[in-house]
N, C-alpha and C. Protein backbone atom coordinates (compact mmCIF):
# COMPACT_ATOMS: atom_id res chain seq x y z
N MET A 1 147.84 23.49 28.55
CA MET A 1 146.72 24.29 28.91
C MET A 1 145.48 23.37 29.18
N LEU A 2 145.32 22.37 28.26
CA LEU A 2 144.12 21.57 28.32
C LEU A 2 144.29 20.65 29.52
N VAL A 3 145.41 20.24 29.90
CA VAL A 3 145.70 19.34 31.07
C VAL A 3 145.35 20.24 32.29
N ARG A 4 145.78 21.55 32.48
CA ARG A 4 145.39 22.32 33.55
C ARG A 4 143.93 22.50 33.64
N LEU A 5 143.24 22.72 32.63
CA LEU A 5 141.76 22.89 32.61
C LEU A 5 141.09 21.67 33.08
N THR A 6 141.48 20.52 32.53
CA THR A 6 140.97 19.32 32.92
C THR A 6 141.18 19.04 34.43
N THR A 7 142.32 19.35 34.94
CA THR A 7 142.64 19.19 36.30
C THR A 7 141.75 19.97 37.22
N ARG A 8 141.67 21.22 36.77
CA ARG A 8 140.81 22.19 37.53
C ARG A 8 139.33 21.73 37.60
N VAL A 9 138.82 21.30 36.39
CA VAL A 9 137.42 20.84 36.35
C VAL A 9 137.23 19.59 37.26
N LEU A 10 138.09 18.65 37.20
CA LEU A 10 137.97 17.40 37.98
C LEU A 10 138.15 17.77 39.44
N THR A 11 139.01 18.66 39.77
CA THR A 11 139.08 19.12 41.17
C THR A 11 137.85 19.76 41.75
N ARG A 12 137.30 20.65 40.92
CA ARG A 12 135.99 21.20 41.33
C ARG A 12 134.90 20.28 41.42
N ILE A 13 134.81 19.23 40.49
CA ILE A 13 133.73 18.21 40.53
C ILE A 13 133.98 17.44 41.85
N GLN A 14 135.13 17.13 42.15
CA GLN A 14 135.48 16.23 43.46
C GLN A 14 135.05 17.08 44.63
N HIS A 15 135.44 18.32 44.61
CA HIS A 15 135.05 19.18 45.79
C HIS A 15 133.61 19.23 45.93
N HIS A 16 132.79 19.45 44.90
CA HIS A 16 131.44 19.51 45.06
C HIS A 16 130.71 18.25 45.36
N ALA A 17 131.33 17.21 44.90
CA ALA A 17 130.86 15.79 45.31
C ALA A 17 131.03 15.54 46.80
N TRP A 18 132.14 15.90 47.36
CA TRP A 18 132.46 15.73 48.76
C TRP A 18 131.54 16.68 49.56
N SER A 19 131.40 17.89 49.10
CA SER A 19 130.38 18.72 49.81
C SER A 19 129.00 18.21 49.85
N LEU A 20 128.53 17.69 48.76
CA LEU A 20 127.21 17.13 48.81
C LEU A 20 127.14 15.89 49.66
N ARG A 21 128.18 15.10 49.61
CA ARG A 21 128.20 13.94 50.42
C ARG A 21 128.13 14.22 51.83
N LEU A 22 128.89 15.23 52.26
CA LEU A 22 128.85 15.68 53.70
C LEU A 22 127.54 16.23 54.16
N ARG A 23 126.74 16.88 53.20
CA ARG A 23 125.50 17.36 53.58
C ARG A 23 124.46 16.32 53.68
N LEU A 24 124.64 15.18 52.90
CA LEU A 24 123.58 14.20 52.86
C LEU A 24 123.75 13.01 53.89
N GLU A 25 124.92 12.90 54.29
CA GLU A 25 125.27 11.78 55.14
C GLU A 25 125.01 12.18 56.65
N PRO A 26 124.74 11.19 57.49
CA PRO A 26 124.56 11.53 58.90
C PRO A 26 125.75 12.15 59.54
N ILE A 27 125.55 12.97 60.55
CA ILE A 27 126.72 13.68 61.24
C ILE A 27 127.60 12.67 61.96
N ASP A 28 126.98 11.78 62.57
CA ASP A 28 127.86 10.77 63.34
C ASP A 28 127.19 9.34 63.02
N GLU A 29 127.89 8.34 63.75
CA GLU A 29 127.46 6.89 63.46
C GLU A 29 126.07 6.54 64.05
N ARG A 30 125.61 7.45 64.93
CA ARG A 30 124.33 7.08 65.61
C ARG A 30 123.16 7.35 64.74
N GLY A 31 123.38 8.04 63.58
CA GLY A 31 122.30 8.43 62.74
C GLY A 31 121.93 9.91 63.02
N GLY A 32 121.01 10.30 62.25
CA GLY A 32 120.49 11.67 62.38
C GLY A 32 121.20 12.64 61.50
N GLY A 33 120.71 12.96 60.39
CA GLY A 33 121.42 13.92 59.56
C GLY A 33 121.18 15.32 59.97
N ARG A 34 121.48 16.26 58.98
CA ARG A 34 121.34 17.74 59.48
C ARG A 34 119.86 18.05 59.36
N ASN A 35 119.10 17.52 58.55
CA ASN A 35 117.74 17.97 58.43
C ASN A 35 116.78 16.78 58.79
N THR A 36 116.83 16.24 59.94
CA THR A 36 115.96 15.15 60.34
C THR A 36 114.76 15.56 61.07
N ASP A 37 113.72 14.80 60.98
CA ASP A 37 112.53 15.03 61.71
C ASP A 37 112.72 15.30 63.15
N GLU A 38 113.71 14.51 63.78
CA GLU A 38 113.98 14.60 65.15
C GLU A 38 114.36 16.07 65.52
N GLY A 39 115.29 16.57 64.72
CA GLY A 39 115.72 17.98 64.92
C GLY A 39 114.64 18.94 64.88
N PHE A 40 113.74 18.78 63.92
CA PHE A 40 112.57 19.74 63.74
C PHE A 40 111.65 19.58 65.01
N HIS A 41 111.40 18.40 65.45
CA HIS A 41 110.64 18.17 66.63
C HIS A 41 111.26 18.82 67.87
N ILE A 42 112.45 18.69 68.08
CA ILE A 42 113.25 19.40 69.19
C ILE A 42 113.06 20.87 69.10
N SER A 43 113.29 21.38 67.91
CA SER A 43 113.14 22.83 67.80
C SER A 43 111.73 23.38 68.03
N ALA A 44 110.77 22.57 67.51
CA ALA A 44 109.40 22.95 67.72
C ALA A 44 109.04 22.89 69.17
N GLY A 45 109.52 21.84 69.85
CA GLY A 45 109.16 21.74 71.34
C GLY A 45 109.80 22.94 72.11
N ALA A 46 111.03 23.33 71.67
CA ALA A 46 111.68 24.48 72.37
C ALA A 46 110.80 25.70 72.16
N VAL A 47 110.38 25.94 70.92
CA VAL A 47 109.54 27.11 70.70
C VAL A 47 108.22 27.08 71.49
N ILE A 48 107.51 25.91 71.50
CA ILE A 48 106.37 25.80 72.17
C ILE A 48 106.50 25.99 73.63
N ALA A 49 107.57 25.50 74.31
CA ALA A 49 107.88 25.64 75.59
C ALA A 49 108.15 27.09 76.00
N GLY A 50 108.84 27.82 75.11
CA GLY A 50 108.98 29.28 75.25
C GLY A 50 107.74 30.10 75.33
N VAL A 51 106.82 29.71 74.38
CA VAL A 51 105.50 30.37 74.26
C VAL A 51 104.72 30.05 75.58
N ILE A 52 104.75 28.90 76.05
CA ILE A 52 104.01 28.55 77.27
C ILE A 52 104.53 29.31 78.45
N ALA A 53 105.85 29.34 78.60
CA ALA A 53 106.54 30.00 79.73
C ALA A 53 106.21 31.56 79.58
N ALA A 54 106.17 32.11 78.44
CA ALA A 54 105.87 33.61 78.31
C ALA A 54 104.35 33.78 78.71
N GLY A 55 103.52 32.85 78.27
CA GLY A 55 102.07 32.98 78.62
C GLY A 55 101.88 32.87 80.23
N VAL A 56 102.54 31.93 80.70
CA VAL A 56 102.43 31.74 82.20
C VAL A 56 102.94 33.05 82.89
N ALA A 57 104.07 33.54 82.42
CA ALA A 57 104.70 34.64 83.06
C ALA A 57 103.74 35.96 82.98
N ALA A 58 103.16 36.09 81.83
CA ALA A 58 102.20 37.13 81.64
C ALA A 58 100.92 36.94 82.47
N PHE A 59 100.48 35.90 82.61
CA PHE A 59 99.28 35.56 83.42
C PHE A 59 99.62 35.94 84.94
N VAL A 60 100.77 35.48 85.37
CA VAL A 60 101.10 35.74 86.79
C VAL A 60 101.34 37.22 87.03
N ALA A 61 101.99 37.85 86.04
CA ALA A 61 102.31 39.26 86.15
C ALA A 61 100.92 40.05 86.21
N ASP A 62 99.92 39.66 85.36
CA ASP A 62 98.60 40.29 85.26
C ASP A 62 97.92 40.01 86.65
N LYS A 63 97.98 38.84 87.24
CA LYS A 63 97.30 38.66 88.52
C LYS A 63 97.97 39.48 89.63
N LEU A 64 99.26 39.73 89.60
CA LEU A 64 99.93 40.45 90.62
C LEU A 64 99.66 41.92 90.37
N GLY A 65 99.12 42.39 89.15
CA GLY A 65 98.84 43.81 88.90
C GLY A 65 100.05 44.54 88.30
N ALA A 66 101.08 43.75 87.89
CA ALA A 66 102.19 44.40 87.25
C ALA A 66 101.87 44.96 85.88
N LEU A 67 100.90 44.57 85.28
CA LEU A 67 100.59 44.97 83.84
C LEU A 67 99.57 46.02 83.85
N LYS A 68 99.06 46.52 84.95
CA LYS A 68 98.02 47.54 85.01
C LYS A 68 98.59 48.87 85.25
């Protein structure tokens, strides 16, 4: 029983160690992990571009009288 318990504990420790390793290491050889500044900048750029596009569309629609 003690051997089985020890085996289970060691297996869980190894599983969690591998999970942690995979979260902290880069996704590929070129670098860039899951939570890099580059990813945040890309996401922020996409959000800003969407806001600008929505603003331009609203401005054009207002000038054409579609919002009145």
